Amino acid sequence: EFVGGISRSSVLTYYSDSVKGRFD
């Protein structure tokens, strides 16, 4: 399962709902 991702130059970051607010 997807946990989180960060795009080039950190323009975008996505997190799964289960880790949002806890993972960075």
mmCIF file of all heavy atoms, coordinates in Angstrom:
data_MODEL
# 
_entry.id   MODEL 
# 
loop_
_atom_site.group_PDB 
_atom_site.id 
_atom_site.type_symbol 
_atom_site.label_atom_id 
_atom_site.label_alt_id 
_atom_site.label_comp_id 
_atom_site.label_asym_id 
_atom_site.label_entity_id 
_atom_site.label_seq_id 
_atom_site.pdbx_PDB_ins_code 
_atom_site.Cartn_x 
_atom_site.Cartn_y 
_atom_site.Cartn_z 
_atom_site.occupancy 
_atom_site.B_iso_or_equiv 
_atom_site.pdbx_formal_charge 
_atom_site.auth_seq_id 
_atom_site.auth_comp_id 
_atom_site.auth_asym_id 
_atom_site.auth_atom_id 
_atom_site.pdbx_PDB_model_num 
ATOM 1   N N   . GLU A 1 1  ? 0.822  -1.201 0.000   1.00 0.00 ? 1  GLU A N   1 
ATOM 2   C CA  . GLU A 1 1  ? 0.000  0.000  0.000   1.00 0.00 ? 1  GLU A CA  1 
ATOM 3   C C   . GLU A 1 1  ? 0.858  1.254  0.000   1.00 0.00 ? 1  GLU A C   1 
ATOM 4   O O   . GLU A 1 1  ? 1.961  1.283  0.558   1.00 0.00 ? 1  GLU A O   1 
ATOM 5   C CB  . GLU A 1 1  ? -0.944 0.030  1.213   1.00 0.00 ? 1  GLU A CB  1 
ATOM 6   C CG  . GLU A 1 1  ? -0.255 0.116  2.553   1.00 0.00 ? 1  GLU A CG  1 
ATOM 7   C CD  . GLU A 1 1  ? -1.228 0.367  3.696   1.00 0.00 ? 1  GLU A CD  1 
ATOM 8   O OE1 . GLU A 1 1  ? -2.386 0.718  3.450   1.00 0.00 ? 1  GLU A OE1 1 
ATOM 9   O OE2 . GLU A 1 1  ? -0.790 0.225  4.869   1.00 0.00 ? 1  GLU A OE2 1 
ATOM 10  N N   . PHE A 1 2  ? 0.335  2.288  -0.606  1.00 0.00 ? 2  PHE A N   1 
ATOM 11  C CA  . PHE A 1 2  ? 0.980  3.589  -0.680  1.00 0.00 ? 2  PHE A CA  1 
ATOM 12  C C   . PHE A 1 2  ? 0.967  4.235  0.698   1.00 0.00 ? 2  PHE A C   1 
ATOM 13  O O   . PHE A 1 2  ? -0.065 4.268  1.372   1.00 0.00 ? 2  PHE A O   1 
ATOM 14  C CB  . PHE A 1 2  ? 0.237  4.454  -1.694  1.00 0.00 ? 2  PHE A CB  1 
ATOM 15  C CG  . PHE A 1 2  ? 0.730  5.864  -1.830  1.00 0.00 ? 2  PHE A CG  1 
ATOM 16  C CD1 . PHE A 1 2  ? 1.819  6.161  -2.620  1.00 0.00 ? 2  PHE A CD1 1 
ATOM 17  C CD2 . PHE A 1 2  ? 0.073  6.902  -1.172  1.00 0.00 ? 2  PHE A CD2 1 
ATOM 18  C CE1 . PHE A 1 2  ? 2.264  7.469  -2.753  1.00 0.00 ? 2  PHE A CE1 1 
ATOM 19  C CE2 . PHE A 1 2  ? 0.505  8.204  -1.298  1.00 0.00 ? 2  PHE A CE2 1 
ATOM 20  C CZ  . PHE A 1 2  ? 1.604  8.493  -2.091  1.00 0.00 ? 2  PHE A CZ  1 
ATOM 21  N N   . VAL A 1 3  ? 2.123  4.753  1.109   1.00 0.00 ? 3  VAL A N   1 
ATOM 22  C CA  . VAL A 1 3  ? 2.233  5.464  2.379   1.00 0.00 ? 3  VAL A CA  1 
ATOM 23  C C   . VAL A 1 3  ? 2.309  6.970  2.141   1.00 0.00 ? 3  VAL A C   1 
ATOM 24  O O   . VAL A 1 3  ? 1.577  7.754  2.732   1.00 0.00 ? 3  VAL A O   1 
ATOM 25  C CB  . VAL A 1 3  ? 3.477  5.006  3.159   1.00 0.00 ? 3  VAL A CB  1 
ATOM 26  C CG1 . VAL A 1 3  ? 3.690  5.852  4.412   1.00 0.00 ? 3  VAL A CG1 1 
ATOM 27  C CG2 . VAL A 1 3  ? 3.366  3.528  3.523   1.00 0.00 ? 3  VAL A CG2 1 
ATOM 28  N N   . GLY A 1 4  ? 3.204  7.360  1.256   1.00 0.00 ? 4  GLY A N   1 
ATOM 29  C CA  . GLY A 1 4  ? 3.360  8.782  0.963   1.00 0.00 ? 4  GLY A CA  1 
ATOM 30  C C   . GLY A 1 4  ? 4.316  8.971  -0.195  1.00 0.00 ? 4  GLY A C   1 
ATOM 31  O O   . GLY A 1 4  ? 5.083  8.072  -0.534  1.00 0.00 ? 4  GLY A O   1 
ATOM 32  N N   . GLY A 1 5  ? 4.275  10.139 -0.808  1.00 0.00 ? 5  GLY A N   1 
ATOM 33  C CA  . GLY A 1 5  ? 5.144  10.440 -1.926  1.00 0.00 ? 5  GLY A CA  1 
ATOM 34  C C   . GLY A 1 5  ? 5.501  11.904 -1.954  1.00 0.00 ? 5  GLY A C   1 
ATOM 35  O O   . GLY A 1 5  ? 4.781  12.747 -1.411  1.00 0.00 ? 5  GLY A O   1 
ATOM 36  N N   . ILE A 1 6  ? 6.619  12.183 -2.609  1.00 0.00 ? 6  ILE A N   1 
ATOM 37  C CA  . ILE A 1 6  ? 7.086  13.566 -2.731  1.00 0.00 ? 6  ILE A CA  1 
ATOM 38  C C   . ILE A 1 6  ? 7.589  13.758 -4.152  1.00 0.00 ? 6  ILE A C   1 
ATOM 39  O O   . ILE A 1 6  ? 8.345  12.950 -4.678  1.00 0.00 ? 6  ILE A O   1 
ATOM 40  C CB  . ILE A 1 6  ? 8.180  13.873 -1.678  1.00 0.00 ? 6  ILE A CB  1 
ATOM 41  C CG1 . ILE A 1 6  ? 8.584  15.338 -1.710  1.00 0.00 ? 6  ILE A CG1 1 
ATOM 42  C CG2 . ILE A 1 6  ? 9.388  12.950 -1.820  1.00 0.00 ? 6  ILE A CG2 1 
ATOM 43  C CD1 . ILE A 1 6  ? 9.395  15.762 -0.479  1.00 0.00 ? 6  ILE A CD1 1 
ATOM 44  N N   . SER A 1 7  ? 7.107  14.807 -4.777  1.00 0.00 ? 7  SER A N   1 
ATOM 45  C CA  . SER A 1 7  ? 7.455  15.032 -6.173  1.00 0.00 ? 7  SER A CA  1 
ATOM 46  C C   . SER A 1 7  ? 8.818  15.713 -6.292  1.00 0.00 ? 7  SER A C   1 
ATOM 47  O O   . SER A 1 7  ? 9.421  16.127 -5.296  1.00 0.00 ? 7  SER A O   1 
ATOM 48  C CB  . SER A 1 7  ? 6.375  15.884 -6.842  1.00 0.00 ? 7  SER A CB  1 
ATOM 49  O OG  . SER A 1 7  ? 6.393  17.210 -6.315  1.00 0.00 ? 7  SER A OG  1 
ATOM 50  N N   . ARG A 1 8  ? 9.283  15.827 -7.505  1.00 0.00 ? 8  ARG A N   1 
ATOM 51  C CA  . ARG A 1 8  ? 10.501 16.591 -7.749  1.00 0.00 ? 8  ARG A CA  1 
ATOM 52  C C   . ARG A 1 8  ? 10.353 17.990 -7.175  1.00 0.00 ? 8  ARG A C   1 
ATOM 53  O O   . ARG A 1 8  ? 9.274  18.576 -7.225  1.00 0.00 ? 8  ARG A O   1 
ATOM 54  C CB  . ARG A 1 8  ? 10.767 16.693 -9.251  1.00 0.00 ? 8  ARG A CB  1 
ATOM 55  C CG  . ARG A 1 8  ? 11.341 15.464 -9.867  1.00 0.00 ? 8  ARG A CG  1 
ATOM 56  C CD  . ARG A 1 8  ? 11.823 15.739 -11.265 1.00 0.00 ? 8  ARG A CD  1 
ATOM 57  N NE  . ARG A 1 8  ? 12.906 16.717 -11.281 1.00 0.00 ? 8  ARG A NE  1 
ATOM 58  C CZ  . ARG A 1 8  ? 13.708 16.934 -12.305 1.00 0.00 ? 8  ARG A CZ  1 
ATOM 59  N NH1 . ARG A 1 8  ? 13.543 16.243 -13.411 1.00 0.00 ? 8  ARG A NH1 1 
ATOM 60  N NH2 . ARG A 1 8  ? 14.660 17.837 -12.254 1.00 0.00 ? 8  ARG A NH2 1 
ATOM 61  N N   . SER A 1 9  ? 11.407 18.470 -6.640  1.00 0.00 ? 9  SER A N   1 
ATOM 62  C CA  . SER A 1 9  ? 11.468 19.802 -6.034  1.00 0.00 ? 9  SER A CA  1 
ATOM 63  C C   . SER A 1 9  ? 10.488 19.980 -4.883  1.00 0.00 ? 9  SER A C   1 
ATOM 64  O O   . SER A 1 9  ? 10.214 21.107 -4.469  1.00 0.00 ? 9  SER A O   1 
ATOM 65  C CB  . SER A 1 9  ? 11.209 20.891 -7.094  1.00 0.00 ? 9  SER A CB  1 
ATOM 66  O OG  . SER A 1 9  ? 12.155 20.801 -8.125  1.00 0.00 ? 9  SER A OG  1 
ATOM 67  N N   . SER A 1 10 ? 9.938  18.854 -4.412  1.00 0.00 ? 10 SER A N   1 
ATOM 68  C CA  . SER A 1 10 ? 9.035  18.871 -3.242  1.00 0.00 ? 10 SER A CA  1 
ATOM 69  C C   . SER A 1 10 ? 7.800  19.744 -3.458  1.00 0.00 ? 10 SER A C   1 
ATOM 70  O O   . SER A 1 10 ? 7.226  20.263 -2.507  1.00 0.00 ? 10 SER A O   1 
ATOM 71  C CB  . SER A 1 10 ? 9.790  19.352 -1.989  1.00 0.00 ? 10 SER A CB  1 
ATOM 72  O OG  . SER A 1 10 ? 10.943 18.577 -1.774  1.00 0.00 ? 10 SER A OG  1 
ATOM 73  N N   . VAL A 1 11 ? 7.395  19.877 -4.720  1.00 0.00 ? 11 VAL A N   1 
ATOM 74  C CA  . VAL A 1 11 ? 6.217  20.697 -5.007  1.00 0.00 ? 11 VAL A CA  1 
ATOM 75  C C   . VAL A 1 11 ? 4.961  20.059 -4.425  1.00 0.00 ? 11 VAL A C   1 
ATOM 76  O O   . VAL A 1 11 ? 4.069  20.732 -3.908  1.00 0.00 ? 11 VAL A O   1 
ATOM 77  C CB  . VAL A 1 11 ? 6.082  20.894 -6.536  1.00 0.00 ? 11 VAL A CB  1 
ATOM 78  C CG1 . VAL A 1 11 ? 4.759  21.545 -6.891  1.00 0.00 ? 11 VAL A CG1 1 
ATOM 79  C CG2 . VAL A 1 11 ? 7.244  21.734 -7.048  1.00 0.00 ? 11 VAL A CG2 1 
ATOM 80  N N   . LEU A 1 12 ? 4.889  18.730 -4.524  1.00 0.00 ? 12 LEU A N   1 
ATOM 81  C CA  . LEU A 1 12 ? 3.730  17.998 -4.024  1.00 0.00 ? 12 LEU A CA  1 
ATOM 82  C C   . LEU A 1 12 ? 4.176  16.958 -3.010  1.00 0.00 ? 12 LEU A C   1 
ATOM 83  O O   . LEU A 1 12 ? 5.223  16.334 -3.163  1.00 0.00 ? 12 LEU A O   1 
ATOM 84  C CB  . LEU A 1 12 ? 3.015  17.274 -5.164  1.00 0.00 ? 12 LEU A CB  1 
ATOM 85  C CG  . LEU A 1 12 ? 2.441  18.099 -6.305  1.00 0.00 ? 12 LEU A CG  1 
ATOM 86  C CD1 . LEU A 1 12 ? 1.892  17.173 -7.393  1.00 0.00 ? 12 LEU A CD1 1 
ATOM 87  C CD2 . LEU A 1 12 ? 1.336  19.023 -5.794  1.00 0.00 ? 12 LEU A CD2 1 
ATOM 88  N N   . THR A 1 13 ? 3.369  16.785 -1.991  1.00 0.00 ? 13 THR A N   1 
ATOM 89  C CA  . THR A 1 13 ? 3.519  15.641 -1.092  1.00 0.00 ? 13 THR A CA  1 
ATOM 90  C C   . THR A 1 13 ? 2.131  15.067 -0.851  1.00 0.00 ? 13 THR A C   1 
ATOM 91  O O   . THR A 1 13 ? 1.172  15.817 -0.645  1.00 0.00 ? 13 THR A O   1 
ATOM 92  C CB  . THR A 1 13 ? 4.156  16.001 0.261   1.00 0.00 ? 13 THR A CB  1 
ATOM 93  O OG1 . THR A 1 13 ? 3.454  17.104 0.833   1.00 0.00 ? 13 THR A OG1 1 
ATOM 94  C CG2 . THR A 1 13 ? 5.615  16.350 0.115   1.00 0.00 ? 13 THR A CG2 1 
ATOM 95  N N   . TYR A 1 14 ? 2.025  13.766 -0.925  1.00 0.00 ? 14 TYR A N   1 
ATOM 96  C CA  . TYR A 1 14 ? 0.775  13.059 -0.665  1.00 0.00 ? 14 TYR A CA  1 
ATOM 97  C C   . TYR A 1 14 ? 1.019  12.043 0.448   1.00 0.00 ? 14 TYR A C   1 
ATOM 98  O O   . TYR A 1 14 ? 2.081  11.453 0.538   1.00 0.00 ? 14 TYR A O   1 
ATOM 99  C CB  . TYR A 1 14 ? 0.290  12.304 -1.903  1.00 0.00 ? 14 TYR A CB  1 
ATOM 100 C CG  . TYR A 1 14 ? -0.101 13.142 -3.087  1.00 0.00 ? 14 TYR A CG  1 
ATOM 101 C CD1 . TYR A 1 14 ? 0.117  12.682 -4.388  1.00 0.00 ? 14 TYR A CD1 1 
ATOM 102 C CD2 . TYR A 1 14 ? -0.709 14.381 -2.938  1.00 0.00 ? 14 TYR A CD2 1 
ATOM 103 C CE1 . TYR A 1 14 ? -0.244 13.425 -5.486  1.00 0.00 ? 14 TYR A CE1 1 
ATOM 104 C CE2 . TYR A 1 14 ? -1.072 15.134 -4.034  1.00 0.00 ? 14 TYR A CE2 1 
ATOM 105 C CZ  . TYR A 1 14 ? -0.838 14.659 -5.308  1.00 0.00 ? 14 TYR A CZ  1 
ATOM 106 O OH  . TYR A 1 14 ? -1.198 15.402 -6.401  1.00 0.00 ? 14 TYR A OH  1 
ATOM 107 N N   . TYR A 1 15 ? -0.018 11.827 1.235   1.00 0.00 ? 15 TYR A N   1 
ATOM 108 C CA  . TYR A 1 15 ? 0.041  10.821 2.286   1.00 0.00 ? 15 TYR A CA  1 
ATOM 109 C C   . TYR A 1 15 ? -1.247 10.015 2.274   1.00 0.00 ? 15 TYR A C   1 
ATOM 110 O O   . TYR A 1 15 ? -2.312 10.523 1.931   1.00 0.00 ? 15 TYR A O   1 
ATOM 111 C CB  . TYR A 1 15 ? 0.209  11.471 3.664   1.00 0.00 ? 15 TYR A CB  1 
ATOM 112 C CG  . TYR A 1 15 ? 1.456  12.308 3.802   1.00 0.00 ? 15 TYR A CG  1 
ATOM 113 C CD1 . TYR A 1 15 ? 1.432  13.682 3.549   1.00 0.00 ? 15 TYR A CD1 1 
ATOM 114 C CD2 . TYR A 1 15 ? 2.665  11.731 4.180   1.00 0.00 ? 15 TYR A CD2 1 
ATOM 115 C CE1 . TYR A 1 15 ? 2.576  14.448 3.665   1.00 0.00 ? 15 TYR A CE1 1 
ATOM 116 C CE2 . TYR A 1 15 ? 3.814  12.497 4.306   1.00 0.00 ? 15 TYR A CE2 1 
ATOM 117 C CZ  . TYR A 1 15 ? 3.764  13.854 4.041   1.00 0.00 ? 15 TYR A CZ  1 
ATOM 118 O OH  . TYR A 1 15 ? 4.906  14.612 4.153   1.00 0.00 ? 15 TYR A OH  1 
ATOM 119 N N   . SER A 1 16 ? -1.144 8.772  2.669   1.00 0.00 ? 16 SER A N   1 
ATOM 120 C CA  . SER A 1 16 ? -2.360 7.994  2.853   1.00 0.00 ? 16 SER A CA  1 
ATOM 121 C C   . SER A 1 16 ? -3.099 8.523  4.081   1.00 0.00 ? 16 SER A C   1 
ATOM 122 O O   . SER A 1 16 ? -2.489 9.116  4.984   1.00 0.00 ? 16 SER A O   1 
ATOM 123 C CB  . SER A 1 16 ? -2.026 6.515  3.028   1.00 0.00 ? 16 SER A CB  1 
ATOM 124 O OG  . SER A 1 16 ? -1.340 6.308  4.258   1.00 0.00 ? 16 SER A OG  1 
ATOM 125 N N   . ASP A 1 17 ? -4.379 8.298  4.114   1.00 0.00 ? 17 ASP A N   1 
ATOM 126 C CA  . ASP A 1 17 ? -5.182 8.780  5.247   1.00 0.00 ? 17 ASP A CA  1 
ATOM 127 C C   . ASP A 1 17 ? -4.705 8.181  6.561   1.00 0.00 ? 17 ASP A C   1 
ATOM 128 O O   . ASP A 1 17 ? -4.803 8.810  7.612   1.00 0.00 ? 17 ASP A O   1 
ATOM 129 C CB  . ASP A 1 17 ? -6.654 8.439  5.026   1.00 0.00 ? 17 ASP A CB  1 
ATOM 130 C CG  . ASP A 1 17 ? -7.282 9.296  3.938   1.00 0.00 ? 17 ASP A CG  1 
ATOM 131 O OD1 . ASP A 1 17 ? -6.698 10.344 3.588   1.00 0.00 ? 17 ASP A OD1 1 
ATOM 132 O OD2 . ASP A 1 17 ? -8.347 8.897  3.426   1.00 0.00 ? 17 ASP A OD2 1 
ATOM 133 N N   . SER A 1 18 ? -4.187 6.963  6.511   1.00 0.00 ? 18 SER A N   1 
ATOM 134 C CA  . SER A 1 18 ? -3.797 6.282  7.743   1.00 0.00 ? 18 SER A CA  1 
ATOM 135 C C   . SER A 1 18 ? -2.555 6.882  8.395   1.00 0.00 ? 18 SER A C   1 
ATOM 136 O O   . SER A 1 18 ? -2.326 6.656  9.588   1.00 0.00 ? 18 SER A O   1 
ATOM 137 C CB  . SER A 1 18 ? -3.566 4.793  7.471   1.00 0.00 ? 18 SER A CB  1 
ATOM 138 O OG  . SER A 1 18 ? -2.532 4.628  6.522   1.00 0.00 ? 18 SER A OG  1 
ATOM 139 N N   . VAL A 1 19 ? -1.763 7.647  7.636   1.00 0.00 ? 19 VAL A N   1 
ATOM 140 C CA  . VAL A 1 19 ? -0.533 8.209  8.197   1.00 0.00 ? 19 VAL A CA  1 
ATOM 141 C C   . VAL A 1 19 ? -0.525 9.730  8.200   1.00 0.00 ? 19 VAL A C   1 
ATOM 142 O O   . VAL A 1 19 ? 0.382  10.351 8.775   1.00 0.00 ? 19 VAL A O   1 
ATOM 143 C CB  . VAL A 1 19 ? 0.723  7.698  7.459   1.00 0.00 ? 19 VAL A CB  1 
ATOM 144 C CG1 . VAL A 1 19 ? 0.733  6.175  7.392   1.00 0.00 ? 19 VAL A CG1 1 
ATOM 145 C CG2 . VAL A 1 19 ? 0.848  8.300  6.073   1.00 0.00 ? 19 VAL A CG2 1 
ATOM 146 N N   . LYS A 1 20 ? -1.515 10.328 7.579   1.00 0.00 ? 20 LYS A N   1 
ATOM 147 C CA  . LYS A 1 20 ? -1.552 11.785 7.467   1.00 0.00 ? 20 LYS A CA  1 
ATOM 148 C C   . LYS A 1 20 ? -1.543 12.417 8.851   1.00 0.00 ? 20 LYS A C   1 
ATOM 149 O O   . LYS A 1 20 ? -2.276 12.001 9.741   1.00 0.00 ? 20 LYS A O   1 
ATOM 150 C CB  . LYS A 1 20 ? -2.799 12.206 6.702   1.00 0.00 ? 20 LYS A CB  1 
ATOM 151 C CG  . LYS A 1 20 ? -2.776 13.622 6.164   1.00 0.00 ? 20 LYS A CG  1 
ATOM 152 C CD  . LYS A 1 20 ? -4.010 13.871 5.302   1.00 0.00 ? 20 LYS A CD  1 
ATOM 153 C CE  . LYS A 1 20 ? -4.034 13.018 4.071   1.00 0.00 ? 20 LYS A CE  1 
ATOM 154 N NZ  . LYS A 1 20 ? -5.203 13.285 3.203   1.00 0.00 ? 20 LYS A NZ  1 
ATOM 155 N N   . GLY A 1 21 ? -0.701 13.412 9.025   1.00 0.00 ? 21 GLY A N   1 
ATOM 156 C CA  . GLY A 1 21 ? -0.577 14.079 10.311  1.00 0.00 ? 21 GLY A CA  1 
ATOM 157 C C   . GLY A 1 21 ? 0.446  13.443 11.236  1.00 0.00 ? 21 GLY A C   1 
ATOM 158 O O   . GLY A 1 21 ? 0.816  14.035 12.257  1.00 0.00 ? 21 GLY A O   1 
ATOM 159 N N   . ARG A 1 22 ? 0.878  12.251 10.912  1.00 0.00 ? 22 ARG A N   1 
ATOM 160 C CA  . ARG A 1 22 ? 1.873  11.550 11.749  1.00 0.00 ? 22 ARG A CA  1 
ATOM 161 C C   . ARG A 1 22 ? 3.204  11.370 11.024  1.00 0.00 ? 22 ARG A C   1 
ATOM 162 O O   . ARG A 1 22 ? 4.261  11.384 11.650  1.00 0.00 ? 22 ARG A O   1 
ATOM 163 C CB  . ARG A 1 22 ? 1.348  10.179 12.168  1.00 0.00 ? 22 ARG A CB  1 
ATOM 164 C CG  . ARG A 1 22 ? 0.066  10.219 12.976  1.00 0.00 ? 22 ARG A CG  1 
ATOM 165 C CD  . ARG A 1 22 ? -0.282 8.825  13.512  1.00 0.00 ? 22 ARG A CD  1 
ATOM 166 N NE  . ARG A 1 22 ? -0.557 7.866  12.442  1.00 0.00 ? 22 ARG A NE  1 
ATOM 167 C CZ  . ARG A 1 22 ? 0.104  6.714  12.284  1.00 0.00 ? 22 ARG A CZ  1 
ATOM 168 N NH1 . ARG A 1 22 ? 1.097  6.391  13.105  1.00 0.00 ? 22 ARG A NH1 1 
ATOM 169 N NH2 . ARG A 1 22 ? -0.225 5.888  11.300  1.00 0.00 ? 22 ARG A NH2 1 
ATOM 170 N N   . PHE A 1 23 ? 3.148  11.187 9.717   1.00 0.00 ? 23 PHE A N   1 
ATOM 171 C CA  . PHE A 1 23 ? 4.350  10.960 8.918   1.00 0.00 ? 23 PHE A CA  1 
ATOM 172 C C   . PHE A 1 23 ? 4.655  12.214 8.103   1.00 0.00 ? 23 PHE A C   1 
ATOM 173 O O   . PHE A 1 23 ? 3.746  12.947 7.695   1.00 0.00 ? 23 PHE A O   1 
ATOM 174 C CB  . PHE A 1 23 ? 4.153  9.794  7.958   1.00 0.00 ? 23 PHE A CB  1 
ATOM 175 C CG  . PHE A 1 23 ? 4.088  8.438  8.608   1.00 0.00 ? 23 PHE A CG  1 
ATOM 176 C CD1 . PHE A 1 23 ? 3.938  8.282  9.974   1.00 0.00 ? 23 PHE A CD1 1 
ATOM 177 C CD2 . PHE A 1 23 ? 4.160  7.288  7.819   1.00 0.00 ? 23 PHE A CD2 1 
ATOM 178 C CE1 . PHE A 1 23 ? 3.870  7.026  10.554  1.00 0.00 ? 23 PHE A CE1 1 
ATOM 179 C CE2 . PHE A 1 23 ? 4.097  6.032  8.389   1.00 0.00 ? 23 PHE A CE2 1 
ATOM 180 C CZ  . PHE A 1 23 ? 3.950  5.902  9.753   1.00 0.00 ? 23 PHE A CZ  1 
ATOM 181 N N   . ASP A 1 24 ? 5.954  12.410 7.847   1.00 0.00 ? 24 ASP A N   1 
ATOM 182 C CA  . ASP A 1 24 ? 6.372  13.595 7.099   1.00 0.00 ? 24 ASP A CA  1 
ATOM 183 C C   . ASP A 1 24 ? 7.495  13.212 6.139   1.00 0.00 ? 24 ASP A C   1 
ATOM 184 O O   . ASP A 1 24 ? 8.476  12.573 6.543   1.00 0.00 ? 24 ASP A O   1 
ATOM 185 C CB  . ASP A 1 24 ? 6.850  14.685 8.056   1.00 0.00 ? 24 ASP A CB  1 
ATOM 186 C CG  . ASP A 1 24 ? 7.239  15.944 7.323   1.00 0.00 ? 24 ASP A CG  1 
ATOM 187 O OD1 . ASP A 1 24 ? 6.339  16.606 6.771   1.00 0.00 ? 24 ASP A OD1 1 
ATOM 188 O OD2 . ASP A 1 24 ? 8.449  16.266 7.281   1.00 0.00 ? 24 ASP A OD2 1 
# 
